[in-house]
Amino acid sequence: MDRPVMASVFRMRHAPATVSGVRSTGQGQADPAIRVHSLGEAIRFVANAYPNYDIGTVAIDCGDPSIPRLGSLEVRALWREYGERLTQE
């Protein structure tokens, strides 16, 4: 993910988002229903999900065509670059 796209995601951090593809790593546990209010919260959840969840097939979508669907690699890059600022005003 290049810096201009990362900056676009950062600007859209308050947009509504959905998280899918998160799997529980606990034996016999159901996969979680993830409820987040914003793109920044979704990124924070996924960035901090290990070791309780398998995020190998995670997808974050904010519904804005200018923001690509984010997978685990993109989330890690965004979290390294922006960290908690993704969830702040």
N, C-alpha and C. Protein backbone atom coordinates (compact mmCIF):
# COMPACT_ATOMS: atom_id res chain seq x y z
N MET A 1 0.85 -1.16 0.00
CA MET A 1 0.00 0.00 0.00
C MET A 1 0.90 1.23 0.00
N ASP A 2 0.70 2.11 -0.97
CA ASP A 2 1.55 3.30 -1.04
C ASP A 2 1.03 4.41 -0.13
N ARG A 3 1.87 5.39 0.09
CA ARG A 3 1.54 6.47 1.04
C ARG A 3 0.30 7.28 0.67
N PRO A 4 0.06 7.59 -0.61
CA PRO A 4 -1.16 8.33 -0.94
C PRO A 4 -2.44 7.56 -0.57
N VAL A 5 -2.44 6.26 -0.79
CA VAL A 5 -3.61 5.45 -0.41
C VAL A 5 -3.73 5.39 1.11
N MET A 6 -2.62 5.24 1.80
CA MET A 6 -2.65 5.23 3.26
C MET A 6 -3.20 6.56 3.78
N ALA A 7 -2.80 7.66 3.18
CA ALA A 7 -3.30 8.97 3.60
C ALA A 7 -4.80 9.09 3.34
N SER A 8 -5.28 8.52 2.25
CA SER A 8 -6.73 8.52 1.97
C SER A 8 -7.49 7.74 3.03
N VAL A 9 -6.96 6.59 3.40
CA VAL A 9 -7.59 5.79 4.44
C VAL A 9 -7.62 6.58 5.75
N PHE A 10 -6.51 7.23 6.08
CA PHE A 10 -6.45 8.02 7.31
C PHE A 10 -7.51 9.12 7.29
N ARG A 11 -7.66 9.81 6.17
CA ARG A 11 -8.67 10.87 6.08
C ARG A 11 -10.08 10.32 6.24
N MET A 12 -10.30 9.08 5.82
CA MET A 12 -11.63 8.46 5.90
C MET A 12 -11.83 7.65 7.18
N ARG A 13 -10.97 7.80 8.16
CA ARG A 13 -10.98 6.95 9.36
C ARG A 13 -12.28 7.00 10.14
N HIS A 14 -13.11 8.03 9.95
CA HIS A 14 -14.37 8.13 10.68
C HIS A 14 -15.55 7.56 9.89
N ALA A 15 -15.30 7.12 8.67
CA ALA A 15 -16.37 6.55 7.85
C ALA A 15 -16.83 5.22 8.42
N PRO A 16 -18.12 4.90 8.28
CA PRO A 16 -18.61 3.59 8.73
C PRO A 16 -17.87 2.47 8.00
N ALA A 17 -17.66 1.37 8.70
CA ALA A 17 -16.92 0.24 8.11
C ALA A 17 -17.46 -1.08 8.64
N THR A 18 -17.16 -2.14 7.90
CA THR A 18 -17.50 -3.49 8.33
C THR A 18 -16.24 -4.34 8.32
N VAL A 19 -16.23 -5.33 9.19
CA VAL A 19 -15.11 -6.28 9.28
C VAL A 19 -15.67 -7.67 9.05
N SER A 20 -15.05 -8.41 8.15
CA SER A 20 -15.44 -9.80 7.92
C SER A 20 -14.19 -10.67 7.84
N GLY A 21 -14.38 -11.98 7.93
CA GLY A 21 -13.27 -12.91 7.78
C GLY A 21 -12.44 -13.14 9.03
N VAL A 22 -12.90 -12.68 10.19
CA VAL A 22 -12.18 -12.90 11.45
C VAL A 22 -12.63 -14.24 12.01
N ARG A 23 -11.69 -15.08 12.34
CA ARG A 23 -11.99 -16.42 12.86
C ARG A 23 -11.45 -16.56 14.28
N SER A 24 -12.20 -17.26 15.12
CA SER A 24 -11.76 -17.53 16.49
C SER A 24 -10.66 -18.58 16.47
N THR A 25 -9.67 -18.41 17.34
CA THR A 25 -8.61 -19.41 17.44
C THR A 25 -8.87 -20.39 18.58
N GLY A 26 -9.89 -20.13 19.37
CA GLY A 26 -10.22 -21.03 20.48
C GLY A 26 -10.98 -22.25 20.01
N GLN A 27 -10.65 -23.39 20.60
CA GLN A 27 -11.31 -24.63 20.20
C GLN A 27 -12.78 -24.60 20.63
N GLY A 28 -13.67 -24.84 19.69
CA GLY A 28 -15.10 -24.89 19.98
C GLY A 28 -15.76 -23.53 20.12
N GLN A 29 -15.03 -22.46 19.88
CA GLN A 29 -15.61 -21.13 19.98
C GLN A 29 -16.16 -20.69 18.63
N ALA A 30 -17.28 -19.99 18.68
CA ALA A 30 -17.87 -19.48 17.45
C ALA A 30 -17.05 -18.30 16.94
N ASP A 31 -17.09 -18.10 15.64
CA ASP A 31 -16.43 -16.93 15.06
C ASP A 31 -17.15 -15.68 15.57
N PRO A 32 -16.42 -14.63 15.85
CA PRO A 32 -17.02 -13.43 16.45
C PRO A 32 -17.81 -12.61 15.43
N ALA A 33 -18.82 -11.93 15.95
CA ALA A 33 -19.54 -10.92 15.16
C ALA A 33 -18.90 -9.59 15.55
N ILE A 34 -18.18 -8.99 14.64
CA ILE A 34 -17.43 -7.78 14.92
C ILE A 34 -18.31 -6.56 14.64
N ARG A 35 -18.47 -5.72 15.64
CA ARG A 35 -19.24 -4.49 15.48
C ARG A 35 -18.32 -3.30 15.76
N VAL A 36 -18.08 -2.53 14.75
CA VAL A 36 -17.25 -1.33 14.87
C VAL A 36 -18.05 -0.16 14.28
N HIS A 37 -17.71 1.04 14.71
CA HIS A 37 -18.43 2.22 14.24
C HIS A 37 -17.72 2.93 13.11
N SER A 38 -16.41 2.74 13.00
CA SER A 38 -15.67 3.50 12.00
C SER A 38 -14.53 2.67 11.41
N LEU A 39 -13.99 3.17 10.33
CA LEU A 39 -12.86 2.53 9.68
C LEU A 39 -11.66 2.48 10.63
N GLY A 40 -11.42 3.56 11.35
CA GLY A 40 -10.31 3.58 12.31
C GLY A 40 -10.46 2.53 13.40
N GLU A 41 -11.69 2.36 13.92
CA GLU A 41 -11.94 1.32 14.93
C GLU A 41 -11.73 -0.07 14.35
N ALA A 42 -12.15 -0.26 13.12
CA ALA A 42 -11.99 -1.56 12.46
C ALA A 42 -10.51 -1.90 12.33
N ILE A 43 -9.72 -0.93 11.92
CA ILE A 43 -8.28 -1.15 11.77
C ILE A 43 -7.65 -1.45 13.13
N ARG A 44 -8.04 -0.72 14.16
CA ARG A 44 -7.50 -0.97 15.50
C ARG A 44 -7.86 -2.38 15.97
N PHE A 45 -9.12 -2.78 15.77
CA PHE A 45 -9.53 -4.12 16.19
C PHE A 45 -8.67 -5.18 15.52
N VAL A 46 -8.53 -5.10 14.21
CA VAL A 46 -7.79 -6.12 13.47
C VAL A 46 -6.31 -6.08 13.85
N ALA A 47 -5.75 -4.90 14.01
CA ALA A 47 -4.34 -4.78 14.37
C ALA A 47 -4.04 -5.42 15.73
N ASN A 48 -5.02 -5.42 16.62
CA ASN A 48 -4.82 -5.96 17.97
C ASN A 48 -5.48 -7.33 18.17
N ALA A 49 -5.97 -7.95 17.11
CA ALA A 49 -6.74 -9.19 17.23
C ALA A 49 -5.90 -10.41 17.57
N TYR A 50 -4.65 -10.45 17.12
CA TYR A 50 -3.79 -11.59 17.39
C TYR A 50 -3.43 -11.59 18.86
N PRO A 51 -3.42 -12.69 19.58
CA PRO A 51 -3.52 -14.09 19.19
C PRO A 51 -4.92 -14.67 19.37
N ASN A 52 -5.89 -13.85 19.75
CA ASN A 52 -7.23 -14.38 20.01
C ASN A 52 -8.01 -14.73 18.75
N TYR A 53 -7.63 -14.12 17.64
CA TYR A 53 -8.35 -14.33 16.39
C TYR A 53 -7.39 -14.58 15.25
N ASP A 54 -7.85 -15.36 14.27
CA ASP A 54 -7.12 -15.58 13.04
C ASP A 54 -7.60 -14.52 12.05
N ILE A 55 -6.70 -13.67 11.59
CA ILE A 55 -7.08 -12.59 10.68
C ILE A 55 -6.53 -12.82 9.27
N GLY A 56 -6.18 -14.05 8.98
CA GLY A 56 -5.60 -14.37 7.67
C GLY A 56 -6.52 -14.06 6.50
N THR A 57 -7.82 -14.10 6.72
CA THR A 57 -8.77 -13.82 5.63
C THR A 57 -9.62 -12.58 5.92
N VAL A 58 -9.13 -11.72 6.79
CA VAL A 58 -9.89 -10.53 7.17
C VAL A 58 -10.08 -9.58 5.99
N ALA A 59 -11.21 -8.89 5.99
CA ALA A 59 -11.47 -7.85 4.99
C ALA A 59 -12.22 -6.71 5.70
N ILE A 60 -11.70 -5.51 5.54
CA ILE A 60 -12.37 -4.32 6.07
C ILE A 60 -12.86 -3.53 4.86
N ASP A 61 -14.14 -3.18 4.90
CA ASP A 61 -14.74 -2.44 3.80
C ASP A 61 -15.46 -1.23 4.37
N CYS A 62 -15.21 -0.06 3.79
CA CYS A 62 -15.91 1.13 4.28
C CYS A 62 -16.95 1.62 3.28
N GLY A 63 -17.10 0.95 2.17
CA GLY A 63 -18.14 1.30 1.22
C GLY A 63 -17.80 2.49 0.32
N ASP A 64 -16.66 3.09 0.50
CA ASP A 64 -16.22 4.21 -0.34
C ASP A 64 -15.36 3.64 -1.46
N PRO A 65 -15.73 3.87 -2.71
CA PRO A 65 -14.96 3.28 -3.81
C PRO A 65 -13.51 3.77 -3.90
N SER A 66 -13.19 4.89 -3.26
CA SER A 66 -11.82 5.38 -3.31
C SER A 66 -10.91 4.66 -2.32
N ILE A 67 -11.51 3.91 -1.39
CA ILE A 67 -10.75 3.17 -0.39
C ILE A 67 -10.82 1.68 -0.73
N PRO A 68 -9.71 1.05 -1.00
CA PRO A 68 -9.75 -0.38 -1.33
C PRO A 68 -10.11 -1.22 -0.10
N ARG A 69 -10.61 -2.41 -0.37
CA ARG A 69 -10.85 -3.35 0.73
C ARG A 69 -9.51 -3.65 1.38
N LEU A 70 -9.48 -3.62 2.70
CA LEU A 70 -8.23 -3.78 3.44
C LEU A 70 -8.10 -5.19 4.00
N GLY A 71 -6.97 -5.81 3.75
CA GLY A 71 -6.65 -7.11 4.32
C GLY A 71 -5.66 -6.96 5.46
N SER A 72 -5.19 -8.07 5.99
CA SER A 72 -4.31 -8.03 7.16
C SER A 72 -3.00 -7.29 6.89
N LEU A 73 -2.43 -7.43 5.71
CA LEU A 73 -1.17 -6.74 5.40
C LEU A 73 -1.36 -5.22 5.37
N GLU A 74 -2.45 -4.77 4.77
CA GLU A 74 -2.73 -3.34 4.72
C GLU A 74 -3.00 -2.78 6.11
N VAL A 75 -3.72 -3.56 6.91
CA VAL A 75 -4.00 -3.12 8.28
C VAL A 75 -2.71 -2.96 9.07
N ARG A 76 -1.82 -3.91 8.95
CA ARG A 76 -0.54 -3.81 9.67
C ARG A 76 0.24 -2.58 9.24
N ALA A 77 0.27 -2.31 7.94
CA ALA A 77 0.99 -1.14 7.44
C ALA A 77 0.35 0.15 7.95
N LEU A 78 -0.97 0.21 7.93
CA LEU A 78 -1.66 1.41 8.42
C LEU A 78 -1.44 1.60 9.92
N TRP A 79 -1.48 0.52 10.68
CA TRP A 79 -1.29 0.62 12.13
C TRP A 79 0.13 1.06 12.46
N ARG A 80 1.10 0.55 11.72
CA ARG A 80 2.49 0.99 11.93
C ARG A 80 2.63 2.49 11.64
N GLU A 81 1.98 2.96 10.61
CA GLU A 81 2.11 4.36 10.19
C GLU A 81 1.33 5.32 11.11
N TYR A 82 0.11 4.94 11.50
CA TYR A 82 -0.76 5.89 12.20
C TYR A 82 -1.12 5.50 13.62
N GLY A 83 -1.15 4.22 13.92
CA GLY A 83 -1.47 3.77 15.28
C GLY A 83 -2.78 4.33 15.80
N GLU A 84 -2.80 4.69 17.07
CA GLU A 84 -4.01 5.16 17.74
C GLU A 84 -4.61 6.42 17.10
N ARG A 85 -3.83 7.14 16.32
CA ARG A 85 -4.38 8.34 15.66
C ARG A 85 -5.55 7.98 14.75
N LEU A 86 -5.64 6.72 14.32
CA LEU A 86 -6.75 6.28 13.48
C LEU A 86 -8.09 6.35 14.20
N THR A 87 -8.06 6.34 15.53
CA THR A 87 -9.32 6.36 16.28
C THR A 87 -9.56 7.69 16.99
N GLN A 88 -8.71 8.64 16.77
CA GLN A 88 -8.85 9.95 17.42
C GLN A 88 -9.42 10.97 16.45
N GLU A 89 -9.96 12.03 17.00
CA GLU A 89 -10.56 13.10 16.20
C GLU A 89 -9.56 13.74 15.35
